[in-house]
PDB file of N, CA and C in Angstrom:
ATOM      1  N   MET A   1      51.777  -9.823   5.815  1.00  0.00           N
ATOM      2  CA  MET A   1      51.246  -8.941   6.834  1.00  0.00           C
ATOM      3  C   MET A   1      49.738  -8.792   6.627  1.00  0.00           C
ATOM      4  N   ALA A   2      48.972  -9.256   7.543  1.00  0.00           N
ATOM      5  CA  ALA A   2      47.521  -9.121   7.468  1.00  0.00           C
ATOM      6  C   ALA A   2      47.093  -7.929   8.322  1.00  0.00           C
ATOM      7  N   LEU A   3      46.303  -7.055   7.743  1.00  0.00           N
ATOM      8  CA  LEU A   3      45.831  -5.878   8.452  1.00  0.00           C
ATOM      9  C   LEU A   3      44.571  -6.211   9.247  1.00  0.00           C
ATOM     10  N   THR A   4      44.465  -5.636  10.439  1.00  0.00           N
ATOM     11  CA  THR A   4      43.265  -5.811  11.240  1.00  0.00           C
ATOM     12  C   THR A   4      42.198  -4.841  10.742  1.00  0.00           C
ATOM     13  N   GLY A   5      40.990  -5.027  11.202  1.00  0.00           N
ATOM     14  CA  GLY A   5      39.897  -4.137  10.823  1.00  0.00           C
ATOM     15  C   GLY A   5      40.158  -2.705  11.252  1.00  0.00           C
ATOM     16  N   LYS A   6      40.727  -2.537  12.440  1.00  0.00           N
ATOM     17  CA  LYS A   6      41.030  -1.197  12.952  1.00  0.00           C
ATOM     18  C   LYS A   6      42.093  -0.517  12.086  1.00  0.00           C
ATOM     19  N   GLN A   7      43.087  -1.272  11.661  1.00  0.00           N
ATOM     20  CA  GLN A   7      44.141  -0.728  10.814  1.00  0.00           C
ATOM     21  C   GLN A   7      43.587  -0.346   9.443  1.00  0.00           C
ATOM     22  N   LYS A   8      42.730  -1.205   8.879  1.00  0.00           N
ATOM     23  CA  LYS A   8      42.121  -0.896   7.585  1.00  0.00           C
ATOM     24  C   LYS A   8      41.258   0.364   7.686  1.00  0.00           C
ATOM     25  N   HIS A   9      40.523   0.500   8.773  1.00  0.00           N
ATOM     26  CA  HIS A   9      39.685   1.672   8.988  1.00  0.00           C
ATOM     27  C   HIS A   9      40.549   2.937   9.022  1.00  0.00           C
ATOM     28  N   HIS A  10      41.667   2.888   9.721  1.00  0.00           N
ATOM     29  CA  HIS A  10      42.599   4.011   9.809  1.00  0.00           C
ATOM     30  C   HIS A  10      43.157   4.354   8.421  1.00  0.00           C
ATOM     31  N   LEU A  11      43.559   3.345   7.666  1.00  0.00           N
ATOM     32  CA  LEU A  11      44.128   3.568   6.339  1.00  0.00           C
ATOM     33  C   LEU A  11      43.084   4.107   5.358  1.00  0.00           C
ATOM     34  N   ARG A  12      41.842   3.649   5.472  1.00  0.00           N
ATOM     35  CA  ARG A  12      40.774   4.169   4.619  1.00  0.00           C
ATOM     36  C   ARG A  12      40.593   5.664   4.855  1.00  0.00           C
ATOM     37  N   GLY A  13      40.675   6.075   6.101  1.00  0.00           N
ATOM     38  CA  GLY A  13      40.570   7.495   6.431  1.00  0.00           C
ATOM     39  C   GLY A  13      41.705   8.303   5.826  1.00  0.00           C
ATOM     40  N   LEU A  14      42.915   7.762   5.883  1.00  0.00           N
ATOM     41  CA  LEU A  14      44.068   8.447   5.306  1.00  0.00           C
ATOM     42  C   LEU A  14      43.982   8.503   3.776  1.00  0.00           C
ATOM     43  N   ALA A  15      43.411   7.487   3.163  1.00  0.00           N
ATOM     44  CA  ALA A  15      43.348   7.393   1.702  1.00  0.00           C
ATOM     45  C   ALA A  15      42.207   8.198   1.099  1.00  0.00           C
ATOM     46  N   HIS A  16      41.281   8.643   1.935  1.00  0.00           N
ATOM     47  CA  HIS A  16      40.086   9.318   1.426  1.00  0.00           C
ATOM     48  C   HIS A  16      40.410  10.473   0.482  1.00  0.00           C
ATOM     49  N   SER A  17      41.372  11.293   0.822  1.00  0.00           N
ATOM     50  CA  SER A  17      41.670  12.487   0.023  1.00  0.00           C
ATOM     51  C   SER A  17      42.670  12.236  -1.108  1.00  0.00           C
ATOM     52  N   LEU A  18      43.172  11.019  -1.232  1.00  0.00           N
ATOM     53  CA  LEU A  18      44.163  10.714  -2.260  1.00  0.00           C
ATOM     54  C   LEU A  18      43.521  10.586  -3.638  1.00  0.00           C
ATOM     55  N   LYS A  19      44.287  10.913  -4.650  1.00  0.00           N
ATOM     56  CA  LYS A  19      43.885  10.707  -6.036  1.00  0.00           C
ATOM     57  C   LYS A  19      44.593   9.455  -6.548  1.00  0.00           C
ATOM     58  N   PRO A  20      44.018   8.750  -7.525  1.00  0.00           N
ATOM     59  CA  PRO A  20      44.693   7.564  -8.070  1.00  0.00           C
ATOM     60  C   PRO A  20      46.066   7.914  -8.643  1.00  0.00           C
ATOM     61  N   VAL A  21      47.076   7.141  -8.260  1.00  0.00           N
ATOM     62  CA  VAL A  21      48.441   7.356  -8.707  1.00  0.00           C
ATOM     63  C   VAL A  21      48.740   6.484  -9.921  1.00  0.00           C
ATOM     64  N   VAL A  22      48.255   5.258  -9.917  1.00  0.00           N
ATOM     65  CA  VAL A  22      48.485   4.320 -11.017  1.00  0.00           C
ATOM     66  C   VAL A  22      47.137   4.008 -11.648  1.00  0.00           C
ATOM     67  N   MET A  23      47.103   4.059 -12.978  1.00  0.00           N
ATOM     68  CA  MET A  23      45.876   3.732 -13.706  1.00  0.00           C
ATOM     69  C   MET A  23      46.178   2.605 -14.684  1.00  0.00           C
ATOM     70  N   ILE A  24      45.364   1.576 -14.641  1.00  0.00           N
ATOM     71  CA  ILE A  24      45.554   0.420 -15.507  1.00  0.00           C
ATOM     72  C   ILE A  24      44.688   0.617 -16.738  1.00  0.00           C
ATOM     73  N   GLY A  25      45.314   0.563 -17.907  1.00  0.00           N
ATOM     74  CA  GLY A  25      44.616   0.826 -19.162  1.00  0.00           C
ATOM     75  C   GLY A  25      44.068  -0.424 -19.818  1.00  0.00           C
ATOM     76  N   ALA A  26      43.825  -0.305 -21.090  1.00  0.00           N
ATOM     77  CA  ALA A  26      43.206  -1.375 -21.867  1.00  0.00           C
ATOM     78  C   ALA A  26      44.102  -2.606 -21.994  1.00  0.00           C
ATOM     79  N   ASN A  27      45.412  -2.430 -21.865  1.00  0.00           N
ATOM     80  CA  ASN A  27      46.336  -3.567 -21.965  1.00  0.00           C
ATOM     81  C   ASN A  27      46.356  -4.411 -20.697  1.00  0.00           C
ATOM     82  N   GLY A  28      45.714  -3.963 -19.650  1.00  0.00           N
ATOM     83  CA  GLY A  28      45.647  -4.731 -18.416  1.00  0.00           C
ATOM     84  C   GLY A  28      46.908  -4.596 -17.583  1.00  0.00           C
ATOM     85  N   ILE A  29      47.156  -5.610 -16.778  1.00  0.00           N
ATOM     86  CA  ILE A  29      48.298  -5.595 -15.861  1.00  0.00           C
ATOM     87  C   ILE A  29      49.521  -6.131 -16.602  1.00  0.00           C
ATOM     88  N   THR A  30      50.442  -5.231 -16.893  1.00  0.00           N
ATOM     89  CA  THR A  30      51.665  -5.593 -17.599  1.00  0.00           C
ATOM     90  C   THR A  30      52.849  -5.453 -16.644  1.00  0.00           C
ATOM     91  N   GLU A  31      54.022  -5.863 -17.097  1.00  0.00           N
ATOM     92  CA  GLU A  31      55.235  -5.703 -16.290  1.00  0.00           C
ATOM     93  C   GLU A  31      55.498  -4.232 -15.985  1.00  0.00           C
ATOM     94  N   ALA A  32      55.203  -3.362 -16.945  1.00  0.00           N
ATOM     95  CA  ALA A  32      55.398  -1.925 -16.740  1.00  0.00           C
ATOM     96  C   ALA A  32      54.480  -1.393 -15.642  1.00  0.00           C
ATOM     97  N   VAL A  33      53.251  -1.876 -15.616  1.00  0.00           N
ATOM     98  CA  VAL A  33      52.298  -1.455 -14.580  1.00  0.00           C
ATOM     99  C   VAL A  33      52.774  -1.943 -13.213  1.00  0.00           C
ATOM    100  N   ILE A  34      53.216  -3.183 -13.132  1.00  0.00           N
ATOM    101  CA  ILE A  34      53.714  -3.735 -11.869  1.00  0.00           C
ATOM    102  C   ILE A  34      54.925  -2.942 -11.397  1.00  0.00           C
ATOM    103  N   SER A  35      55.833  -2.628 -12.304  1.00  0.00           N
ATOM    104  CA  SER A  35      57.027  -1.864 -11.966  1.00  0.00           C
ATOM    105  C   SER A  35      56.662  -0.473 -11.451  1.00  0.00           C
ATOM    106  N   GLU A  36      55.748   0.193 -12.134  1.00  0.00           N
ATOM    107  CA  GLU A  36      55.306   1.525 -11.723  1.00  0.00           C
ATOM    108  C   GLU A  36      54.599   1.476 -10.366  1.00  0.00           C
ATOM    109  N   LEU A  37      53.773   0.481 -10.155  1.00  0.00           N
ATOM    110  CA  LEU A  37      53.072   0.315  -8.888  1.00  0.00           C
ATOM    111  C   LEU A  37      54.053   0.042  -7.760  1.00  0.00           C
ATOM    112  N   ASP A  38      55.037  -0.798  -8.012  1.00  0.00           N
ATOM    113  CA  ASP A  38      56.061  -1.104  -7.005  1.00  0.00           C
ATOM    114  C   ASP A  38      56.819   0.161  -6.612  1.00  0.00           C
ATOM    115  N   GLN A  39      57.183   0.960  -7.599  1.00  0.00           N
ATOM    116  CA  GLN A  39      57.889   2.211  -7.350  1.00  0.00           C
ATOM    117  C   GLN A  39      57.018   3.186  -6.548  1.00  0.00           C
ATOM    118  N   ALA A  40      55.743   3.282  -6.908  1.00  0.00           N
ATOM    119  CA  ALA A  40      54.817   4.178  -6.217  1.00  0.00           C
ATOM    120  C   ALA A  40      54.604   3.731  -4.768  1.00  0.00           C
ATOM    121  N   LEU A  41      54.517   2.420  -4.537  1.00  0.00           N
ATOM    122  CA  LEU A  41      54.365   1.914  -3.165  1.00  0.00           C
ATOM    123  C   LEU A  41      55.607   2.196  -2.331  1.00  0.00           C
ATOM    124  N   ASN A  42      56.785   2.127  -2.937  1.00  0.00           N
ATOM    125  CA  ASN A  42      58.014   2.463  -2.213  1.00  0.00           C
ATOM    126  C   ASN A  42      58.006   3.916  -1.779  1.00  0.00           C
ATOM    127  N   THR A  43      57.455   4.779  -2.601  1.00  0.00           N
ATOM    128  CA  THR A  43      57.432   6.210  -2.311  1.00  0.00           C
ATOM    129  C   THR A  43      56.303   6.591  -1.368  1.00  0.00           C
ATOM    130  N   HIS A  44      55.096   6.102  -1.640  1.00  0.00           N
ATOM    131  CA  HIS A  44      53.910   6.581  -0.923  1.00  0.00           C
ATOM    132  C   HIS A  44      53.371   5.642   0.150  1.00  0.00           C
ATOM    133  N   GLU A  45      53.645   4.386   0.084  1.00  0.00           N
ATOM    134  CA  GLU A  45      53.116   3.352   0.985  1.00  0.00           C
ATOM    135  C   GLU A  45      51.617   3.095   0.819  1.00  0.00           C
ATOM    136  N   LEU A  46      50.829   4.141   0.758  1.00  0.00           N
ATOM    137  CA  LEU A  46      49.374   4.037   0.649  1.00  0.00           C
ATOM    138  C   LEU A  46      48.958   4.776  -0.615  1.00  0.00           C
ATOM    139  N   LEU A  47      48.261   4.082  -1.515  1.00  0.00           N
ATOM    140  CA  LEU A  47      47.867   4.750  -2.750  1.00  0.00           C
ATOM    141  C   LEU A  47      46.626   4.129  -3.346  1.00  0.00           C
ATOM    142  N   LYS A  48      46.045   4.881  -4.280  1.00  0.00           N
ATOM    143  CA  LYS A  48      44.868   4.408  -5.006  1.00  0.00           C
ATOM    144  C   LYS A  48      45.287   3.998  -6.407  1.00  0.00           C
ATOM    145  N   VAL A  49      44.655   2.928  -6.890  1.00  0.00           N
ATOM    146  CA  VAL A  49      44.885   2.433  -8.244  1.00  0.00           C
ATOM    147  C   VAL A  49      43.536   2.401  -8.948  1.00  0.00           C
ATOM    148  N   LYS A  50      43.487   2.960 -10.150  1.00  0.00           N
ATOM    149  CA  LYS A  50      42.245   2.949 -10.920  1.00  0.00           C
ATOM    150  C   LYS A  50      42.289   1.783 -11.896  1.00  0.00           C
ATOM    151  N   LEU A  51      41.290   0.927 -11.822  1.00  0.00           N
ATOM    152  CA  LEU A  51      41.197  -0.274 -12.654  1.00  0.00           C
ATOM    153  C   LEU A  51      40.320  -0.017 -13.864  1.00  0.00           C
ATOM    154  N   PRO A  52      40.472  -0.814 -14.913  1.00  0.00           N
ATOM    155  CA  PRO A  52      39.584  -0.671 -16.076  1.00  0.00           C
ATOM    156  C   PRO A  52      38.174  -1.170 -15.740  1.00  0.00           C
ATOM    157  N   ALA A  53      37.212  -0.765 -16.540  1.00  0.00           N
ATOM    158  CA  ALA A  53      35.826  -1.194 -16.334  1.00  0.00           C
ATOM    159  C   ALA A  53      35.693  -2.645 -16.772  1.00  0.00           C
ATOM    160  N   VAL A  54      35.630  -3.550 -15.790  1.00  0.00           N
ATOM    161  CA  VAL A  54      35.497  -4.976 -16.056  1.00  0.00           C
ATOM    162  C   VAL A  54      34.468  -5.569 -15.104  1.00  0.00           C
ATOM    163  N   GLU A  55      34.154  -6.830 -15.293  1.00  0.00           N
ATOM    164  CA  GLU A  55      33.223  -7.525 -14.411  1.00  0.00           C
ATOM    165  C   GLU A  55      33.814  -7.658 -13.005  1.00  0.00           C
ATOM    166  N   LYS A  56      32.953  -7.902 -12.042  1.00  0.00           N
ATOM    167  CA  LYS A  56      33.360  -7.958 -10.641  1.00  0.00           C
ATOM    168  C   LYS A  56      34.416  -9.033 -10.378  1.00  0.00           C
ATOM    169  N   ASP A  57      34.247 -10.219 -10.952  1.00  0.00           N
ATOM    170  CA  ASP A  57      35.209 -11.290 -10.709  1.00  0.00           C
ATOM    171  C   ASP A  57      36.562 -10.997 -11.371  1.00  0.00           C
ATOM    172  N   GLU A  58      36.544 -10.331 -12.514  1.00  0.00           N
ATOM    173  CA  GLU A  58      37.793  -9.934 -13.176  1.00  0.00           C
ATOM    174  C   GLU A  58      38.510  -8.854 -12.364  1.00  0.00           C
ATOM    175  N   LYS A  59      37.721  -7.947 -11.793  1.00  0.00           N
ATOM    176  CA  LYS A  59      38.295  -6.888 -10.952  1.00  0.00           C
ATOM    177  C   LYS A  59      38.971  -7.506  -9.734  1.00  0.00           C
ATOM    178  N   GLN A  60      38.303  -8.457  -9.088  1.00  0.00           N
ATOM    179  CA  GLN A  60      38.868  -9.103  -7.910  1.00  0.00           C
ATOM    180  C   GLN A  60      40.143  -9.866  -8.268  1.00  0.00           C
ATOM    181  N   ALA A  61      40.157 -10.518  -9.418  1.00  0.00           N
ATOM    182  CA  ALA A  61      41.352 -11.229  -9.870  1.00  0.00           C
ATOM    183  C   ALA A  61      42.501 -10.255 -10.116  1.00  0.00           C
ATOM    184  N   ALA A  62      42.198  -9.081 -10.670  1.00  0.00           N
ATOM    185  CA  ALA A  62      43.220  -8.064 -10.911  1.00  0.00           C
ATOM    186  C   ALA A  62      43.792  -7.551  -9.593  1.00  0.00           C
ATOM    187  N   ILE A  63      42.933  -7.354  -8.601  1.00  0.00           N
ATOM    188  CA  ILE A  63      43.389  -6.884  -7.287  1.00  0.00           C
ATOM    189  C   ILE A  63      44.313  -7.914  -6.652  1.00  0.00           C
ATOM    190  N   VAL A  64      43.933  -9.185  -6.720  1.00  0.00           N
ATOM    191  CA  VAL A  64      44.764 -10.256  -6.172  1.00  0.00           C
ATOM    192  C   VAL A  64      46.105 -10.304  -6.891  1.00  0.00           C
ATOM    193  N   GLU A  65      46.086 -10.157  -8.207  1.00  0.00           N
ATOM    194  CA  GLU A  65      47.331 -10.179  -8.987  1.00  0.00           C
ATOM    195  C   GLU A  65      48.243  -9.012  -8.603  1.00  0.00           C
ATOM    196  N   LEU A  66      47.664  -7.816  -8.437  1.00  0.00           N
ATOM    197  CA  LEU A  66      48.455  -6.651  -8.041  1.00  0.00           C
ATOM    198  C   LEU A  66      49.061  -6.841  -6.651  1.00  0.00           C
ATOM    199  N   CYS A  67      48.263  -7.338  -5.727  1.00  0.00           N
ATOM    200  CA  CYS A  67      48.744  -7.548  -4.366  1.00  0.00           C
ATOM    201  C   CYS A  67      49.828  -8.624  -4.316  1.00  0.00           C
ATOM    202  N   THR A  68      49.656  -9.700  -5.047  1.00  0.00           N
ATOM    203  CA  THR A  68      50.628 -10.777  -5.076  1.00  0.00           C
ATOM    204  C   THR A  68      51.944 -10.320  -5.700  1.00  0.00           C
ATOM    205  N   ALA A  69      51.859  -9.574  -6.786  1.00  0.00           N
ATOM    206  CA  ALA A  69      53.057  -9.140  -7.499  1.00  0.00           C
ATOM    207  C   ALA A  69      53.868  -8.104  -6.723  1.00  0.00           C
ATOM    208  N   THR A  70      53.198  -7.292  -5.891  1.00  0.00           N
ATOM    209  CA  THR A  70      53.899  -6.211  -5.196  1.00  0.00           C
ATOM    210  C   THR A  70      54.049  -6.443  -3.696  1.00  0.00           C
ATOM    211  N   GLY A  71      53.351  -7.418  -3.146  1.00  0.00           N
ATOM    212  CA  GLY A  71      53.405  -7.645  -1.705  1.00  0.00           C
ATOM    213  C   GLY A  71      52.574  -6.643  -0.926  1.00  0.00           C
ATOM    214  N   ALA A  72      51.623  -6.006  -1.596  1.00  0.00           N
ATOM    215  CA  ALA A  72      50.771  -5.007  -0.955  1.00  0.00           C
ATOM    216  C   ALA A  72      49.517  -5.658  -0.373  1.00  0.00           C
ATOM    217  N   GLU A  73      48.841  -4.906   0.467  1.00  0.00           N
ATOM    218  CA  GLU A  73      47.576  -5.348   1.065  1.00  0.00           C
ATOM    219  C   GLU A  73      46.435  -4.542   0.468  1.00  0.00           C
ATOM    220  N   ASP A  74      45.343  -5.209   0.174  1.00  0.00           N
ATOM    221  CA  ASP A  74      44.126  -4.552  -0.306  1.00  0.00           C
ATOM    222  C   ASP A  74      43.408  -3.957   0.899  1.00  0.00           C
ATOM    223  N   VAL A  75      43.294  -2.633   0.928  1.00  0.00           N
ATOM    224  CA  VAL A  75      42.646  -1.955   2.044  1.00  0.00           C
ATOM    225  C   VAL A  75      41.162  -1.766   1.762  1.00  0.00           C
ATOM    226  N   GLN A  76      40.857  -1.324   0.537  1.00  0.00           N
ATOM    227  CA  GLN A  76      39.477  -1.011   0.192  1.00  0.00           C
ATOM    228  C   GLN A  76      39.308  -1.031  -1.317  1.00  0.00           C
ATOM    229  N   SER A  77      38.115  -1.381  -1.755  1.00  0.00           N
ATOM    230  CA  SER A  77      37.797  -1.372  -3.174  1.00  0.00           C
ATOM    231  C   SER A  77      36.402  -0.803  -3.344  1.00  0.00           C
ATOM    232  N   ILE A  78      36.320   0.320  -4.066  1.00  0.00           N
ATOM    233  CA  ILE A  78      35.025   0.942  -4.349  1.00  0.00           C
ATOM    234  C   ILE A  78      34.980   1.237  -5.836  1.00  0.00           C
ATOM    235  N   GLY A  79      34.031   0.639  -6.512  1.00  0.00           N
ATOM    236  CA  GLY A  79      33.906   0.856  -7.949  1.00  0.00           C
ATOM    237  C   GLY A  79      35.158   0.402  -8.671  1.00  0.00           C
ATOM    238  N   ARG A  80      35.751   1.317  -9.418  1.00  0.00           N
ATOM    239  CA  ARG A  80      36.949   0.994 -10.190  1.00  0.00           C
ATOM    240  C   ARG A  80      38.232   1.373  -9.465  1.00  0.00           C
ATOM    241  N   VAL A  81      38.135   1.828  -8.222  1.00  0.00           N
ATOM    242  CA  VAL A  81      39.307   2.286  -7.483  1.00  0.00           C
ATOM    243  C   VAL A  81      39.596   1.341  -6.316  1.00  0.00           C
ATOM    244  N   VAL A  82      40.864   0.966  -6.193  1.00  0.00           N
ATOM    245  CA  VAL A  82      41.290   0.115  -5.099  1.00  0.00           C
ATOM    246  C   VAL A  82      42.396   0.843  -4.331  1.00  0.00           C
ATOM    247  N   VAL A  83      42.367   0.722  -3.011  1.00  0.00           N
ATOM    248  CA  VAL A  83      43.395   1.320  -2.156  1.00  0.00           C
ATOM    249  C   VAL A  83      44.338   0.203  -1.723  1.00  0.00           C
ATOM    250  N   LEU A  84      45.635   0.401  -1.961  1.00  0.00           N
ATOM    251  CA  LEU A  84      46.657  -0.578  -1.599  1.00  0.00           C
ATOM    252  C   LEU A  84      47.625   0.026  -0.594  1.00  0.00           C
ATOM    253  N   PHE A  85      48.148  -0.828   0.287  1.00  0.00           N
ATOM    254  CA  PHE A  85      49.101  -0.389   1.303  1.00  0.00           C
ATOM    255  C   PHE A  85      50.234  -1.398   1.405  1.00  0.00           C
ATOM    256  N   ARG A  86      51.447  -0.871   1.433  1.00  0.00           N
ATOM    257  CA  ARG A  86      52.628  -1.695   1.688  1.00  0.00           C
ATOM    258  C   ARG A  86      53.621  -0.836   2.459  1.00  0.00           C
ATOM    259  N   PRO A  87      53.839  -1.167   3.739  1.00  0.00           N
ATOM    260  CA  PRO A  87      54.780  -0.355   4.514  1.00  0.00           C
ATOM    261  C   PRO A  87      56.203  -0.541   4.000  1.00  0.00           C
ATOM    262  N   ASN A  88      56.983   0.522   4.040  1.00  0.00           N
ATOM    263  CA  ASN A  88      58.383   0.383   3.688  1.00  0.00           C
ATOM    264  C   ASN A  88      59.229   0.451   4.952  1.00  0.00           C
ATOM    265  N   ILE A  89      60.527   0.312   4.810  1.00  0.00           N
ATOM    266  CA  ILE A  89      61.420   0.227   5.963  1.00  0.00           C
ATOM    267  C   ILE A  89      61.325   1.478   6.833  1.00  0.00           C
ATOM    268  N   GLU A  90      61.320   2.631   6.207  1.00  0.00           N
ATOM    269  CA  GLU A  90      61.202   3.896   6.934  1.00  0.00           C
ATOM    270  C   GLU A  90      59.758   4.369   6.863  1.00  0.00           C
ATOM    271  N   SER A  91      58.870   3.596   7.448  1.00  0.00           N
ATOM    272  CA  SER A  91      57.437   3.844   7.341  1.00  0.00           C
ATOM    273  C   SER A  91      57.060   5.213   7.890  1.00  0.00           C
ATOM    274  N   LYS A  92      56.274   5.937   7.086  1.00  0.00           N
ATOM    275  CA  LYS A  92      55.771   7.255   7.483  1.00  0.00           C
ATOM    276  C   LYS A  92      54.397   7.132   8.147  1.00  0.00           C
ATOM    277  N   ILE A  93      53.752   6.010   7.942  1.00  0.00           N
ATOM    278  CA  ILE A  93      52.392   5.797   8.440  1.00  0.00           C
ATOM    279  C   ILE A  93      52.453   4.888   9.651  1.00  0.00           C
ATOM    280  N   SER A  94      51.929   5.387  10.770  1.00  0.00           N
ATOM    281  CA  SER A  94      51.873   4.518  11.948  1.00  0.00           C
ATOM    282  C   SER A  94      50.476   3.923  12.042  1.00  0.00           C
ATOM    283  N   LEU A  95      50.437   2.628  12.240  1.00  0.00           N
ATOM    284  CA  LEU A  95      49.159   1.909  12.299  1.00  0.00           C
ATOM    285  C   LEU A  95      48.761   1.666  13.745  1.00  0.00           C
ATOM    286  N   PRO A  96      47.460   1.771  14.036  1.00  0.00           N
ATOM    287  CA  PRO A  96      46.997   1.417  15.382  1.00  0.00           C
ATOM    288  C   PRO A  96      47.134  -0.087  15.584  1.00  0.00           C
ATOM    289  N   ARG A  97      47.231  -0.505  16.807  1.00  0.00           N
ATOM    290  CA  ARG A  97      47.394  -1.931  17.104  1.00  0.00           C
ATOM    291  C   ARG A  97      46.090  -2.634  17.175  1.00  0.00           C
TER     292      ARG A  97
END
């Protein structure tokens, strides 16, 4: 599912007031982190993930790995925080077309 610019803009607005739900520590992306992120996406659909302080290319690789492992979409990335979205079957968030 590829999000349009309008949909990403809408989701960024919804995510503005959210606090990071999943934080990735010094051990990096482990199976436990993926499992916790998957569970959080099932519950919240839209959430923030706090990444460790790494170089820009490492951060981008981590975002791609998280999205690939969970089937989520990268909505926004600012500093060490990334916003991810994955709609569930009983979606609570309606996206503009």
